Amino acid sequence: MTLGTRLMKQRQQDKLSREEVANALTVTTPLIVAWESDTELPDYNQLIQLSRLFEVTTDYLLTGQPVVVKTTNRQHISYFIQNFWWLFFCHRWLVSVVYFNVNQCLKSIKSRNYFCSSFFST
C-alpha cells in the first residue's frame, strides 16, 4: 500500500472530505488529490500535520506498519501497581481471614481432643 492510499484510507476512515483535510492543513484540495493519487508527496511538515490530524504516527503513514514501543520493567511495574493495587489488599484480607479461621479450628480441635478420641475409638 502506498502513502497516497494510506492517506485516502485514513481520511475516509475518519469521515473527512478532501476539502476538510485541505482546510486543516492550509493547502489546496487539488494537492490532497495529488497526494492520494501518488503524483506528489507531502513535505515533512505536512506529513507531521497529517499524522496529527489523523492521530497516527508518521511511521504508519510512511510504512503502513504500526510502531512497536518497547516497554521497560519500570513501566510494567507501574502499570501493575496502578491497575492491580486492589489485588494486594484483597490478598491480605483473604490471608488474614483464612489464618484466623484455621487458628480457630486448631484451637477447637485441641480443646476437644479430636485427634486422640476419633483416631483411637472403635
PDB file of N, CA and C in Angstrom:
ATOM      1  N   MET A   1       0.848  -1.166   0.000  1.00  0.00           N
ATOM      2  CA  MET A   1       0.000   0.000   0.000  1.00  0.00           C
ATOM      3  C   MET A   1       0.907   1.247   0.000  1.00  0.00           C
ATOM      4  N   THR A   2       0.555   2.206  -0.796  1.00  0.00           N
ATOM      5  CA  THR A   2       1.368   3.422  -0.925  1.00  0.00           C
ATOM      6  C   THR A   2       0.923   4.477   0.086  1.00  0.00           C
ATOM      7  N   LEU A   3       1.734   5.515   0.189  1.00  0.00           N
ATOM      8  CA  LEU A   3       1.397   6.632   1.074  1.00  0.00           C
ATOM      9  C   LEU A   3       0.057   7.232   0.680  1.00  0.00           C
ATOM     10  N   GLY A   4      -0.160   7.414  -0.615  1.00  0.00           N
ATOM     11  CA  GLY A   4      -1.414   8.004  -1.090  1.00  0.00           C
ATOM     12  C   GLY A   4      -2.632   7.185  -0.711  1.00  0.00           C
ATOM     13  N   THR A   5      -2.536   5.864  -0.862  1.00  0.00           N
ATOM     14  CA  THR A   5      -3.681   5.024  -0.494  1.00  0.00           C
ATOM     15  C   THR A   5      -3.896   5.004   1.010  1.00  0.00           C
ATOM     16  N   ARG A   6      -2.804   5.059   1.795  1.00  0.00           N
ATOM     17  CA  ARG A   6      -2.957   5.137   3.258  1.00  0.00           C
ATOM     18  C   ARG A   6      -3.613   6.454   3.670  1.00  0.00           C
ATOM     19  N   LEU A   7      -3.226   7.547   3.003  1.00  0.00           N
ATOM     20  CA  LEU A   7      -3.845   8.843   3.304  1.00  0.00           C
ATOM     21  C   LEU A   7      -5.340   8.818   2.988  1.00  0.00           C
ATOM     22  N   MET A   8      -5.677   8.273   1.815  1.00  0.00           N
ATOM     23  CA  MET A   8      -7.089   8.204   1.428  1.00  0.00           C
ATOM     24  C   MET A   8      -7.871   7.308   2.391  1.00  0.00           C
ATOM     25  N   LYS A   9      -7.306   6.159   2.729  1.00  0.00           N
ATOM     26  CA  LYS A   9      -7.972   5.224   3.639  1.00  0.00           C
ATOM     27  C   LYS A   9      -8.190   5.873   5.009  1.00  0.00           C
ATOM     28  N   GLN A  10      -7.160   6.552   5.515  1.00  0.00           N
ATOM     29  CA  GLN A  10      -7.271   7.191   6.823  1.00  0.00           C
ATOM     30  C   GLN A  10      -8.285   8.333   6.789  1.00  0.00           C
ATOM     31  N   ARG A  11      -8.285   9.098   5.724  1.00  0.00           N
ATOM     32  CA  ARG A  11      -9.243  10.207   5.586  1.00  0.00           C
ATOM     33  C   ARG A  11     -10.665   9.673   5.563  1.00  0.00           C
ATOM     34  N   GLN A  12     -10.890   8.610   4.797  1.00  0.00           N
ATOM     35  CA  GLN A  12     -12.231   8.016   4.719  1.00  0.00           C
ATOM     36  C   GLN A  12     -12.632   7.377   6.040  1.00  0.00           C
ATOM     37  N   GLN A  13     -11.672   6.767   6.700  1.00  0.00           N
ATOM     38  CA  GLN A  13     -11.957   6.146   7.996  1.00  0.00           C
ATOM     39  C   GLN A  13     -12.367   7.206   9.021  1.00  0.00           C
ATOM     40  N   ASP A  14     -11.732   8.367   8.949  1.00  0.00           N
ATOM     41  CA  ASP A  14     -12.062   9.463   9.865  1.00  0.00           C
ATOM     42  C   ASP A  14     -13.260  10.284   9.386  1.00  0.00           C
ATOM     43  N   LYS A  15     -13.849   9.866   8.259  1.00  0.00           N
ATOM     44  CA  LYS A  15     -15.031  10.530   7.685  1.00  0.00           C
ATOM     45  C   LYS A  15     -14.780  12.016   7.418  1.00  0.00           C
ATOM     46  N   LEU A  16     -13.644  12.286   6.795  1.00  0.00           N
ATOM     47  CA  LEU A  16     -13.288  13.655   6.428  1.00  0.00           C
ATOM     48  C   LEU A  16     -13.299  13.780   4.911  1.00  0.00           C
ATOM     49  N   SER A  17     -13.720  14.948   4.432  1.00  0.00           N
ATOM     50  CA  SER A  17     -13.653  15.200   2.998  1.00  0.00           C
ATOM     51  C   SER A  17     -12.266  15.738   2.655  1.00  0.00           C
ATOM     52  N   ARG A  18     -11.940  15.732   1.378  1.00  0.00           N
ATOM     53  CA  ARG A  18     -10.658  16.296   0.942  1.00  0.00           C
ATOM     54  C   ARG A  18     -10.587  17.786   1.279  1.00  0.00           C
ATOM     55  N   GLU A  19     -11.712  18.464   1.175  1.00  0.00           N
ATOM     56  CA  GLU A  19     -11.750  19.891   1.485  1.00  0.00           C
ATOM     57  C   GLU A  19     -11.443  20.139   2.960  1.00  0.00           C
ATOM     58  N   GLU A  20     -11.989  19.285   3.832  1.00  0.00           N
ATOM     59  CA  GLU A  20     -11.744  19.441   5.269  1.00  0.00           C
ATOM     60  C   GLU A  20     -10.265  19.218   5.603  1.00  0.00           C
ATOM     61  N   VAL A  21      -9.665  18.222   4.964  1.00  0.00           N
ATOM     62  CA  VAL A  21      -8.240  17.969   5.185  1.00  0.00           C
ATOM     63  C   VAL A  21      -7.421  19.140   4.662  1.00  0.00           C
ATOM     64  N   ALA A  22      -7.780  19.627   3.470  1.00  0.00           N
ATOM     65  CA  ALA A  22      -7.058  20.760   2.877  1.00  0.00           C
ATOM     66  C   ALA A  22      -7.158  21.994   3.773  1.00  0.00           C
ATOM     67  N   ASN A  23      -8.329  22.267   4.313  1.00  0.00           N
ATOM     68  CA  ASN A  23      -8.500  23.416   5.204  1.00  0.00           C
ATOM     69  C   ASN A  23      -7.698  23.258   6.497  1.00  0.00           C
ATOM     70  N   ALA A  24      -7.665  22.042   7.031  1.00  0.00           N
ATOM     71  CA  ALA A  24      -6.936  21.806   8.275  1.00  0.00           C
ATOM     72  C   ALA A  24      -5.434  21.988   8.078  1.00  0.00           C
ATOM     73  N   LEU A  25      -4.947  21.670   6.878  1.00  0.00           N
ATOM     74  CA  LEU A  25      -3.508  21.779   6.604  1.00  0.00           C
ATOM     75  C   LEU A  25      -3.146  23.063   5.875  1.00  0.00           C
ATOM     76  N   THR A  26      -4.143  23.876   5.593  1.00  0.00           N
ATOM     77  CA  THR A  26      -3.986  25.120   4.819  1.00  0.00           C
ATOM     78  C   THR A  26      -3.252  24.880   3.494  1.00  0.00           C
ATOM     79  N   VAL A  27      -3.780  23.894   2.762  1.00  0.00           N
ATOM     80  CA  VAL A  27      -3.310  23.612   1.398  1.00  0.00           C
ATOM     81  C   VAL A  27      -4.537  23.565   0.500  1.00  0.00           C
ATOM     82  N   THR A  28      -4.326  23.345  -0.776  1.00  0.00           N
ATOM     83  CA  THR A  28      -5.455  23.292  -1.707  1.00  0.00           C
ATOM     84  C   THR A  28      -5.973  21.866  -1.830  1.00  0.00           C
ATOM     85  N   THR A  29      -7.236  21.764  -2.228  1.00  0.00           N
ATOM     86  CA  THR A  29      -7.842  20.455  -2.430  1.00  0.00           C
ATOM     87  C   THR A  29      -7.146  19.669  -3.544  1.00  0.00           C
ATOM     88  N   PRO A  30      -6.768  20.317  -4.678  1.00  0.00           N
ATOM     89  CA  PRO A  30      -6.043  19.545  -5.703  1.00  0.00           C
ATOM     90  C   PRO A  30      -4.728  18.934  -5.190  1.00  0.00           C
ATOM     91  N   LEU A  31      -4.106  19.566  -4.206  1.00  0.00           N
ATOM     92  CA  LEU A  31      -2.887  18.993  -3.643  1.00  0.00           C
ATOM     93  C   LEU A  31      -3.196  17.717  -2.872  1.00  0.00           C
ATOM     94  N   ILE A  32      -4.318  17.703  -2.159  1.00  0.00           N
ATOM     95  CA  ILE A  32      -4.740  16.489  -1.444  1.00  0.00           C
ATOM     96  C   ILE A  32      -4.995  15.372  -2.459  1.00  0.00           C
ATOM     97  N   VAL A  33      -5.659  15.705  -3.557  1.00  0.00           N
ATOM     98  CA  VAL A  33      -5.915  14.724  -4.620  1.00  0.00           C
ATOM     99  C   VAL A  33      -4.589  14.194  -5.168  1.00  0.00           C
ATOM    100  N   ALA A  34      -3.613  15.083  -5.361  1.00  0.00           N
ATOM    101  CA  ALA A  34      -2.301  14.670  -5.882  1.00  0.00           C
ATOM    102  C   ALA A  34      -1.590  13.740  -4.895  1.00  0.00           C
ATOM    103  N   TRP A  35      -1.710  14.021  -3.592  1.00  0.00           N
ATOM    104  CA  TRP A  35      -1.094  13.135  -2.590  1.00  0.00           C
ATOM    105  C   TRP A  35      -1.742  11.763  -2.616  1.00  0.00           C
ATOM    106  N   GLU A  36      -3.077  11.752  -2.683  1.00  0.00           N
ATOM    107  CA  GLU A  36      -3.793  10.480  -2.656  1.00  0.00           C
ATOM    108  C   GLU A  36      -3.590   9.666  -3.928  1.00  0.00           C
ATOM    109  N   SER A  37      -3.294  10.320  -5.024  1.00  0.00           N
ATOM    110  CA  SER A  37      -3.043   9.587  -6.274  1.00  0.00           C
ATOM    111  C   SER A  37      -1.550   9.331  -6.491  1.00  0.00           C
ATOM    112  N   ASP A  38      -0.734   9.677  -5.515  1.00  0.00           N
ATOM    113  CA  ASP A  38       0.712   9.459  -5.541  1.00  0.00           C
ATOM    114  C   ASP A  38       1.426  10.182  -6.677  1.00  0.00           C
ATOM    115  N   THR A  39       0.868  11.283  -7.138  1.00  0.00           N
ATOM    116  CA  THR A  39       1.583  12.082  -8.139  1.00  0.00           C
ATOM    117  C   THR A  39       2.491  13.105  -7.477  1.00  0.00           C
ATOM    118  N   GLU A  40       2.186  13.452  -6.230  1.00  0.00           N
ATOM    119  CA  GLU A  40       3.050  14.319  -5.425  1.00  0.00           C
ATOM    120  C   GLU A  40       3.118  13.745  -4.017  1.00  0.00           C
ATOM    121  N   LEU A  41       4.140  14.162  -3.292  1.00  0.00           N
ATOM    122  CA  LEU A  41       4.319  13.724  -1.911  1.00  0.00           C
ATOM    123  C   LEU A  41       4.280  14.924  -0.981  1.00  0.00           C
ATOM    124  N   PRO A  42       3.707  14.762   0.204  1.00  0.00           N
ATOM    125  CA  PRO A  42       3.737  15.865   1.177  1.00  0.00           C
ATOM    126  C   PRO A  42       5.155  16.047   1.703  1.00  0.00           C
ATOM    127  N   ASP A  43       5.504  17.297   2.044  1.00  0.00           N
ATOM    128  CA  ASP A  43       6.812  17.504   2.665  1.00  0.00           C
ATOM    129  C   ASP A  43       6.733  17.065   4.129  1.00  0.00           C
ATOM    130  N   TYR A  44       7.862  17.100   4.828  1.00  0.00           N
ATOM    131  CA  TYR A  44       7.865  16.531   6.179  1.00  0.00           C
ATOM    132  C   TYR A  44       6.992  17.325   7.148  1.00  0.00           C
ATOM    133  N   ASN A  45       6.861  18.626   6.993  1.00  0.00           N
ATOM    134  CA  ASN A  45       5.955  19.396   7.860  1.00  0.00           C
ATOM    135  C   ASN A  45       4.506  19.004   7.615  1.00  0.00           C
ATOM    136  N   GLN A  46       4.148  18.834   6.353  1.00  0.00           N
ATOM    137  CA  GLN A  46       2.785  18.419   6.025  1.00  0.00           C
ATOM    138  C   GLN A  46       2.520  16.992   6.509  1.00  0.00           C
ATOM    139  N   LEU A  47       3.528  16.148   6.445  1.00  0.00           N
ATOM    140  CA  LEU A  47       3.388  14.774   6.928  1.00  0.00           C
ATOM    141  C   LEU A  47       3.129  14.759   8.437  1.00  0.00           C
ATOM    142  N   ILE A  48       3.814  15.620   9.146  1.00  0.00           N
ATOM    143  CA  ILE A  48       3.585  15.731  10.595  1.00  0.00           C
ATOM    144  C   ILE A  48       2.171  16.236  10.868  1.00  0.00           C
ATOM    145  N   GLN A  49       1.731  17.229  10.113  1.00  0.00           N
ATOM    146  CA  GLN A  49       0.368  17.746  10.279  1.00  0.00           C
ATOM    147  C   GLN A  49      -0.663  16.655   9.962  1.00  0.00           C
ATOM    148  N   LEU A  50      -0.419  15.885   8.924  1.00  0.00           N
ATOM    149  CA  LEU A  50      -1.339  14.792   8.583  1.00  0.00           C
ATOM    150  C   LEU A  50      -1.403  13.750   9.695  1.00  0.00           C
ATOM    151  N   SER A  51      -0.249  13.412  10.252  1.00  0.00           N
ATOM    152  CA  SER A  51      -0.247  12.405  11.323  1.00  0.00           C
ATOM    153  C   SER A  51      -1.010  12.911  12.546  1.00  0.00           C
ATOM    154  N   ARG A  52      -0.886  14.192  12.834  1.00  0.00           N
ATOM    155  CA  ARG A  52      -1.635  14.752  13.970  1.00  0.00           C
ATOM    156  C   ARG A  52      -3.129  14.823  13.676  1.00  0.00           C
ATOM    157  N   LEU A  53      -3.464  15.172  12.455  1.00  0.00           N
ATOM    158  CA  LEU A  53      -4.876  15.252  12.063  1.00  0.00           C
ATOM    159  C   LEU A  53      -5.542  13.878  12.147  1.00  0.00           C
ATOM    160  N   PHE A  54      -4.850  12.857  11.638  1.00  0.00           N
ATOM    161  CA  PHE A  54      -5.417  11.502  11.619  1.00  0.00           C
ATOM    162  C   PHE A  54      -5.133  10.719  12.900  1.00  0.00           C
ATOM    163  N   GLU A  55      -4.348  11.315  13.803  1.00  0.00           N
ATOM    164  CA  GLU A  55      -3.984  10.680  15.072  1.00  0.00           C
ATOM    165  C   GLU A  55      -3.304   9.329  14.858  1.00  0.00           C
ATOM    166  N   VAL A  56      -2.332   9.331  13.938  1.00  0.00           N
ATOM    167  CA  VAL A  56      -1.486   8.162  13.691  1.00  0.00           C
ATOM    168  C   VAL A  56      -0.039   8.650  13.681  1.00  0.00           C
ATOM    169  N   THR A  57       0.888   7.726  13.677  1.00  0.00           N
ATOM    170  CA  THR A  57       2.293   8.124  13.639  1.00  0.00           C
ATOM    171  C   THR A  57       2.724   8.377  12.201  1.00  0.00           C
ATOM    172  N   THR A  58       3.789   9.147  12.056  1.00  0.00           N
ATOM    173  CA  THR A  58       4.352   9.356  10.719  1.00  0.00           C
ATOM    174  C   THR A  58       4.910   8.042  10.180  1.00  0.00           C
ATOM    175  N   ASP A  59       5.418   7.189  11.063  1.00  0.00           N
ATOM    176  CA  ASP A  59       5.893   5.866  10.629  1.00  0.00           C
ATOM    177  C   ASP A  59       4.771   5.080   9.973  1.00  0.00           C
ATOM    178  N   TYR A  60       3.583   5.136  10.575  1.00  0.00           N
ATOM    179  CA  TYR A  60       2.451   4.421   9.990  1.00  0.00           C
ATOM    180  C   TYR A  60       2.108   4.993   8.610  1.00  0.00           C
ATOM    181  N   LEU A  61       2.085   6.310   8.489  1.00  0.00           N
ATOM    182  CA  LEU A  61       1.765   6.909   7.184  1.00  0.00           C
ATOM    183  C   LEU A  61       2.796   6.525   6.130  1.00  0.00           C
ATOM    184  N   LEU A  62       4.063   6.501   6.500  1.00  0.00           N
ATOM    185  CA  LEU A  62       5.113   6.211   5.531  1.00  0.00           C
ATOM    186  C   LEU A  62       5.256   4.725   5.216  1.00  0.00           C
ATOM    187  N   THR A  63       5.149   3.876   6.219  1.00  0.00           N
ATOM    188  CA  THR A  63       5.420   2.452   6.013  1.00  0.00           C
ATOM    189  C   THR A  63       4.195   1.560   6.095  1.00  0.00           C
ATOM    190  N   GLY A  64       3.163   2.028   6.755  1.00  0.00           N
ATOM    191  CA  GLY A  64       1.983   1.193   6.950  1.00  0.00           C
ATOM    192  C   GLY A  64       2.102   0.261   8.137  1.00  0.00           C
ATOM    193  N   GLN A  65       3.257   0.275   8.782  1.00  0.00           N
ATOM    194  CA  GLN A  65       3.487  -0.591   9.940  1.00  0.00           C
ATOM    195  C   GLN A  65       3.276   0.192  11.224  1.00  0.00           C
ATOM    196  N   PRO A  66       2.538  -0.379  12.162  1.00  0.00           N
ATOM    197  CA  PRO A  66       2.401   0.307  13.443  1.00  0.00           C
ATOM    198  C   PRO A  66       3.730   0.302  14.184  1.00  0.00           C
ATOM    199  N   VAL A  67       3.937   1.314  14.981  1.00  0.00           N
ATOM    200  CA  VAL A  67       5.174   1.432  15.741  1.00  0.00           C
ATOM    201  C   VAL A  67       5.074   0.551  16.973  1.00  0.00           C
ATOM    202  N   VAL A  68       6.078  -0.279  17.195  1.00  0.00           N
ATOM    203  CA  VAL A  68       6.145  -1.108  18.386  1.00  0.00           C
ATOM    204  C   VAL A  68       7.043  -0.405  19.383  1.00  0.00           C
ATOM    205  N   VAL A  69       6.465  -0.083  20.514  1.00  0.00           N
ATOM    206  CA  VAL A  69       7.210   0.614  21.552  1.00  0.00           C
ATOM    207  C   VAL A  69       7.601  -0.399  22.613  1.00  0.00           C
ATOM    208  N   LYS A  70       8.895  -0.505  22.853  1.00  0.00           N
ATOM    209  CA  LYS A  70       9.365  -1.415  23.885  1.00  0.00           C
ATOM    210  C   LYS A  70       9.141  -0.764  25.238  1.00  0.00           C
ATOM    211  N   THR A  71       8.601  -1.555  26.145  1.00  0.00           N
ATOM    212  CA  THR A  71       8.363  -1.032  27.486  1.00  0.00           C
ATOM    213  C   THR A  71       9.440  -1.550  28.422  1.00  0.00           C
ATOM    214  N   THR A  72       9.720  -0.791  29.415  1.00  0.00           N
ATOM    215  CA  THR A  72      10.716  -1.181  30.403  1.00  0.00           C
ATOM    216  C   THR A  72      10.041  -1.887  31.567  1.00  0.00           C
ATOM    217  N   ASN A  73      10.848  -2.541  32.365  1.00  0.00           N
ATOM    218  CA  ASN A  73      10.307  -3.189  33.561  1.00  0.00           C
ATOM    219  C   ASN A  73       9.654  -2.173  34.479  1.00  0.00           C
ATOM    220  N   ARG A  74      10.226  -0.982  34.529  1.00  0.00           N
ATOM    221  CA  ARG A  74       9.660   0.064  35.381  1.00  0.00           C
ATOM    222  C   ARG A  74       8.233   0.388  34.926  1.00  0.00           C
ATOM    223  N   GLN A  75       7.996   0.448  33.607  1.00  0.00           N
ATOM    224  CA  GLN A  75       6.656   0.735  33.096  1.00  0.00           C
ATOM    225  C   GLN A  75       5.709  -0.414  33.427  1.00  0.00           C
ATOM    226  N   HIS A  76       6.191  -1.655  33.337  1.00  0.00           N
ATOM    227  CA  HIS A  76       5.356  -2.802  33.682  1.00  0.00           C
ATOM    228  C   HIS A  76       4.979  -2.779  35.157  1.00  0.00           C
ATOM    229  N   ILE A  77       5.940  -2.475  35.992  1.00  0.00           N
ATOM    230  CA  ILE A  77       5.672  -2.419  37.430  1.00  0.00           C
ATOM    231  C   ILE A  77       4.688  -1.293  37.735  1.00  0.00           C
ATOM    232  N   SER A  78       4.881  -0.148  37.093  1.00  0.00           N
ATOM    233  CA  SER A  78       3.977   0.977  37.303  1.00  0.00           C
ATOM    234  C   SER A  78       2.559   0.609  36.861  1.00  0.00           C
ATOM    235  N   TYR A  79       2.436  -0.059  35.715  1.00  0.00           N
ATOM    236  CA  TYR A  79       1.118  -0.490  35.227  1.00  0.00           C
ATOM    237  C   TYR A  79       0.486  -1.455  36.218  1.00  0.00           C
ATOM    238  N   PHE A  80       1.274  -2.404  36.708  1.00  0.00           N
ATOM    239  CA  PHE A  80       0.747  -3.382  37.659  1.00  0.00           C
ATOM    240  C   PHE A  80       0.252  -2.700  38.928  1.00  0.00           C
ATOM    241  N   ILE A  81       1.040  -1.770  39.438  1.00  0.00           N
ATOM    242  CA  ILE A  81       0.656  -1.070  40.672  1.00  0.00           C
ATOM    243  C   ILE A  81      -0.607  -0.251  40.452  1.00  0.00           C
ATOM    244  N   GLN A  82      -0.685   0.434  39.309  1.00  0.00           N
ATOM    245  CA  GLN A  82      -1.845   1.279  39.047  1.00  0.00           C
ATOM    246  C   GLN A  82      -3.121   0.470  38.859  1.00  0.00           C
ATOM    247  N   ASN A  83      -3.006  -0.707  38.264  1.00  0.00           N
ATOM    248  CA  ASN A  83      -4.203  -1.451  37.908  1.00  0.00           C
ATOM    249  C   ASN A  83      -4.535  -2.619  38.820  1.00  0.00           C
ATOM    250  N   PHE A  84      -3.568  -3.066  39.638  1.00  0.00           N
ATOM    251  CA  PHE A  84      -3.833  -4.242  40.458  1.00  0.00           C
ATOM    252  C   PHE A  84      -3.538  -4.017  41.939  1.00  0.00           C
ATOM    253  N   TRP A  85      -3.564  -2.764  42.374  1.00  0.00           N
ATOM    254  CA  TRP A  85      -3.327  -2.484  43.791  1.00  0.00           C
ATOM    255  C   TRP A  85      -4.371  -3.159  44.652  1.00  0.00           C
ATOM    256  N   TRP A  86      -5.591  -3.241  44.151  1.00  0.00           N
ATOM    257  CA  TRP A  86      -6.674  -3.864  44.916  1.00  0.00           C
ATOM    258  C   TRP A  86      -6.387  -5.328  45.169  1.00  0.00           C
ATOM    259  N   LEU A  87      -5.658  -5.980  44.254  1.00  0.00           N
ATOM    260  CA  LEU A  87      -5.328  -7.390  44.419  1.00  0.00           C
ATOM    261  C   LEU A  87      -4.498  -7.608  45.682  1.00  0.00           C
ATOM    262  N   PHE A  88      -3.571  -6.709  45.929  1.00  0.00           N
ATOM    263  CA  PHE A  88      -2.737  -6.806  47.121  1.00  0.00           C
ATOM    264  C   PHE A  88      -3.593  -6.740  48.382  1.00  0.00           C
ATOM    265  N   PHE A  89      -4.514  -5.769  48.428  1.00  0.00           N
ATOM    266  CA  PHE A  89      -5.337  -5.614  49.622  1.00  0.00           C
ATOM    267  C   PHE A  89      -6.317  -6.767  49.784  1.00  0.00           C
ATOM    268  N   CYS A  90      -6.875  -7.268  48.686  1.00  0.00           N
ATOM    269  CA  CYS A  90      -7.771  -8.423  48.778  1.00  0.00           C
ATOM    270  C   CYS A  90      -7.005  -9.650  49.254  1.00  0.00           C
ATOM    271  N   HIS A  91      -5.804  -9.819  48.753  1.00  0.00           N
ATOM    272  CA  HIS A  91      -4.984 -10.950  49.156  1.00  0.00           C
ATOM    273  C   HIS A  91      -4.683 -10.886  50.649  1.00  0.00           C
ATOM    274  N   ARG A  92      -4.299  -9.700  51.127  1.00  0.00           N
ATOM    275  CA  ARG A  92      -4.001  -9.548  52.559  1.00  0.00           C
ATOM    276  C   ARG A  92      -5.251  -9.862  53.393  1.00  0.00           C
ATOM    277  N   TRP A  93      -6.398  -9.400  52.950  1.00  0.00           N
ATOM    278  CA  TRP A  93      -7.636  -9.650  53.690  1.00  0.00           C
ATOM    279  C   TRP A  93      -7.952 -11.136  53.697  1.00  0.00           C
ATOM    280  N   LEU A  94      -7.834 -11.784  52.555  1.00  0.00           N
ATOM    281  CA  LEU A  94      -8.144 -13.206  52.441  1.00  0.00           C
ATOM    282  C   LEU A  94      -7.203 -14.039  53.303  1.00  0.00           C
ATOM    283  N   VAL A  95      -5.928 -13.711  53.287  1.00  0.00           N
ATOM    284  CA  VAL A  95      -4.960 -14.438  54.110  1.00  0.00           C
ATOM    285  C   VAL A  95      -5.294 -14.285  55.583  1.00  0.00           C
ATOM    286  N   SER A  96      -5.644 -13.096  56.001  1.00  0.00           N
ATOM    287  CA  SER A  96      -5.961 -12.891  57.418  1.00  0.00           C
ATOM    288  C   SER A  96      -7.228 -13.647  57.812  1.00  0.00           C
ATOM    289  N   VAL A  97      -8.225 -13.686  56.948  1.00  0.00           N
ATOM    290  CA  VAL A  97      -9.462 -14.421  57.244  1.00  0.00           C
ATOM    291  C   VAL A  97      -9.178 -15.918  57.331  1.00  0.00           C
ATOM    292  N   VAL A  98      -8.433 -16.450  56.360  1.00  0.00           N
ATOM    293  CA  VAL A  98      -8.113 -17.883  56.374  1.00  0.00           C
ATOM    294  C   VAL A  98      -7.274 -18.223  57.598  1.00  0.00           C
ATOM    295  N   TYR A  99      -6.274 -17.410  57.899  1.00  0.00           N
ATOM    296  CA  TYR A  99      -5.422 -17.656  59.061  1.00  0.00           C
ATOM    297  C   TYR A  99      -6.251 -17.661  60.343  1.00  0.00           C
ATOM    298  N   PHE A 100      -7.145 -16.695  60.461  1.00  0.00           N
ATOM    299  CA  PHE A 100      -7.995 -16.620  61.651  1.00  0.00           C
ATOM    300  C   PHE A 100      -8.861 -17.871  61.766  1.00  0.00           C
ATOM    301  N   ASN A 101      -9.484 -18.307  60.670  1.00  0.00           N
ATOM    302  CA  ASN A 101     -10.363 -19.477  60.706  1.00  0.00           C
ATOM    303  C   ASN A 101      -9.586 -20.767  61.000  1.00  0.00           C
ATOM    304  N   VAL A 102      -8.431 -20.918  60.410  1.00  0.00           N
ATOM    305  CA  VAL A 102      -7.610 -22.105  60.664  1.00  0.00           C
ATOM    306  C   VAL A 102      -7.170 -22.121  62.124  1.00  0.00           C
ATOM    307  N   ASN A 103      -6.788 -20.968  62.617  1.00  0.00           N
ATOM    308  CA  ASN A 103      -6.391 -20.873  64.026  1.00  0.00           C
ATOM    309  C   ASN A 103      -7.539 -21.269  64.943  1.00  0.00           C
ATOM    310  N   GLN A 104      -8.727 -20.784  64.642  1.00  0.00           N
ATOM    311  CA  GLN A 104      -9.896 -21.111  65.463  1.00  0.00           C
ATOM    312  C   GLN A 104     -10.188 -22.614  65.417  1.00  0.00           C
ATOM    313  N   CYS A 105     -10.071 -23.188  64.231  1.00  0.00           N
ATOM    314  CA  CYS A 105     -10.320 -24.634  64.096  1.00  0.00           C
ATOM    315  C   CYS A 105      -9.293 -25.437  64.891  1.00  0.00           C
ATOM    316  N   LEU A 106      -8.033 -25.041  64.796  1.00  0.00           N
ATOM    317  CA  LEU A 106      -6.994 -25.761  65.540  1.00  0.00           C
ATOM    318  C   LEU A 106      -7.211 -25.661  67.044  1.00  0.00           C
ATOM    319  N   LYS A 107      -7.600 -24.496  67.521  1.00  0.00           N
ATOM    320  CA  LYS A 107      -7.884 -24.338  68.946  1.00  0.00           C
ATOM    321  C   LYS A 107      -9.042 -25.230  69.366  1.00  0.00           C
ATOM    322  N   SER A 108     -10.051 -25.269  68.513  1.00  0.00           N
ATOM    323  CA  SER A 108     -11.221 -26.102  68.817  1.00  0.00           C
ATOM    324  C   SER A 108     -10.840 -27.576  68.839  1.00  0.00           C
ATOM    325  N   ILE A 109     -10.045 -27.977  67.881  1.00  0.00           N
ATOM    326  CA  ILE A 109      -9.615 -29.383  67.811  1.00  0.00           C
ATOM    327  C   ILE A 109      -8.776 -29.733  69.043  1.00  0.00           C
ATOM    328  N   LYS A 110      -7.855 -28.871  69.402  1.00  0.00           N
ATOM    329  CA  LYS A 110      -7.008 -29.127  70.566  1.00  0.00           C
ATOM    330  C   LYS A 110      -7.828 -29.200  71.842  1.00  0.00           C
ATOM    331  N   SER A 111      -8.772 -28.315  71.962  1.00  0.00           N
ATOM    332  CA  SER A 111      -9.563 -28.286  73.200  1.00  0.00           C
ATOM    333  C   SER A 111     -10.480 -29.504  73.321  1.00  0.00           C
ATOM    334  N   ARG A 112     -10.911 -30.047  72.232  1.00  0.00           N
ATOM    335  CA  ARG A 112     -11.834 -31.189  72.270  1.00  0.00           C
ATOM    336  C   ARG A 112     -11.102 -32.513  72.100  1.00  0.00           C
ATOM    337  N   ASN A 113      -9.848 -32.455  71.851  1.00  0.00           N
ATOM    338  CA  ASN A 113      -9.035 -33.657  71.710  1.00  0.00           C
ATOM    339  C   ASN A 113      -9.546 -34.578  70.607  1.00  0.00           C
ATOM    340  N   TYR A 114      -9.913 -33.984  69.480  1.00  0.00           N
ATOM    341  CA  TYR A 114     -10.465 -34.771  68.378  1.00  0.00           C
ATOM    342  C   TYR A 114      -9.465 -35.774  67.818  1.00  0.00           C
ATOM    343  N   PHE A 115      -8.218 -35.391  67.781  1.00  0.00           N
ATOM    344  CA  PHE A 115      -7.237 -36.297  67.192  1.00  0.00           C
ATOM    345  C   PHE A 115      -7.201 -37.623  67.956  1.00  0.00           C
ATOM    346  N   CYS A 116      -7.103 -37.535  69.259  1.00  0.00           N
ATOM    347  CA  CYS A 116      -6.972 -38.742  70.054  1.00  0.00           C
ATOM    348  C   CYS A 116      -8.255 -39.545  70.094  1.00  0.00           C
ATOM    349  N   SER A 117      -9.372 -38.898  70.340  1.00  0.00           N
ATOM    350  CA  SER A 117     -10.610 -39.640  70.513  1.00  0.00           C
ATOM    351  C   SER A 117     -11.099 -40.247  69.207  1.00  0.00           C
ATOM    352  N   SER A 118     -10.996 -39.548  68.097  1.00  0.00           N
ATOM    353  CA  SER A 118     -11.507 -40.105  66.839  1.00  0.00           C
ATOM    354  C   SER A 118     -10.546 -41.153  66.273  1.00  0.00           C
ATOM    355  N   PHE A 119      -9.268 -40.987  66.577  1.00  0.00           N
ATOM    356  CA  PHE A 119      -8.302 -41.910  65.998  1.00  0.00           C
ATOM    357  C   PHE A 119      -8.299 -43.255  66.739  1.00  0.00           C
ATOM    358  N   PHE A 120      -8.460 -43.209  68.042  1.00  0.00           N
ATOM    359  CA  PHE A 120      -8.375 -44.450  68.817  1.00  0.00           C
ATOM    360  C   PHE A 120      -9.711 -45.079  69.091  1.00  0.00           C
ATOM    361  N   SER A 121     -10.785 -44.406  68.827  1.00  0.00           N
ATOM    362  CA  SER A 121     -12.085 -45.008  69.134  1.00  0.00           C
ATOM    363  C   SER A 121     -12.459 -46.008  68.052  1.00  0.00           C
ATOM    364  N   THR A 122     -13.087 -47.091  68.455  1.00  0.00           N
ATOM    365  CA  THR A 122     -13.506 -48.135  67.512  1.00  0.00           C
ATOM    366  C   THR A 122     -14.947 -48.463  67.680  1.00  0.00           C
TER     367      THR A 122
END
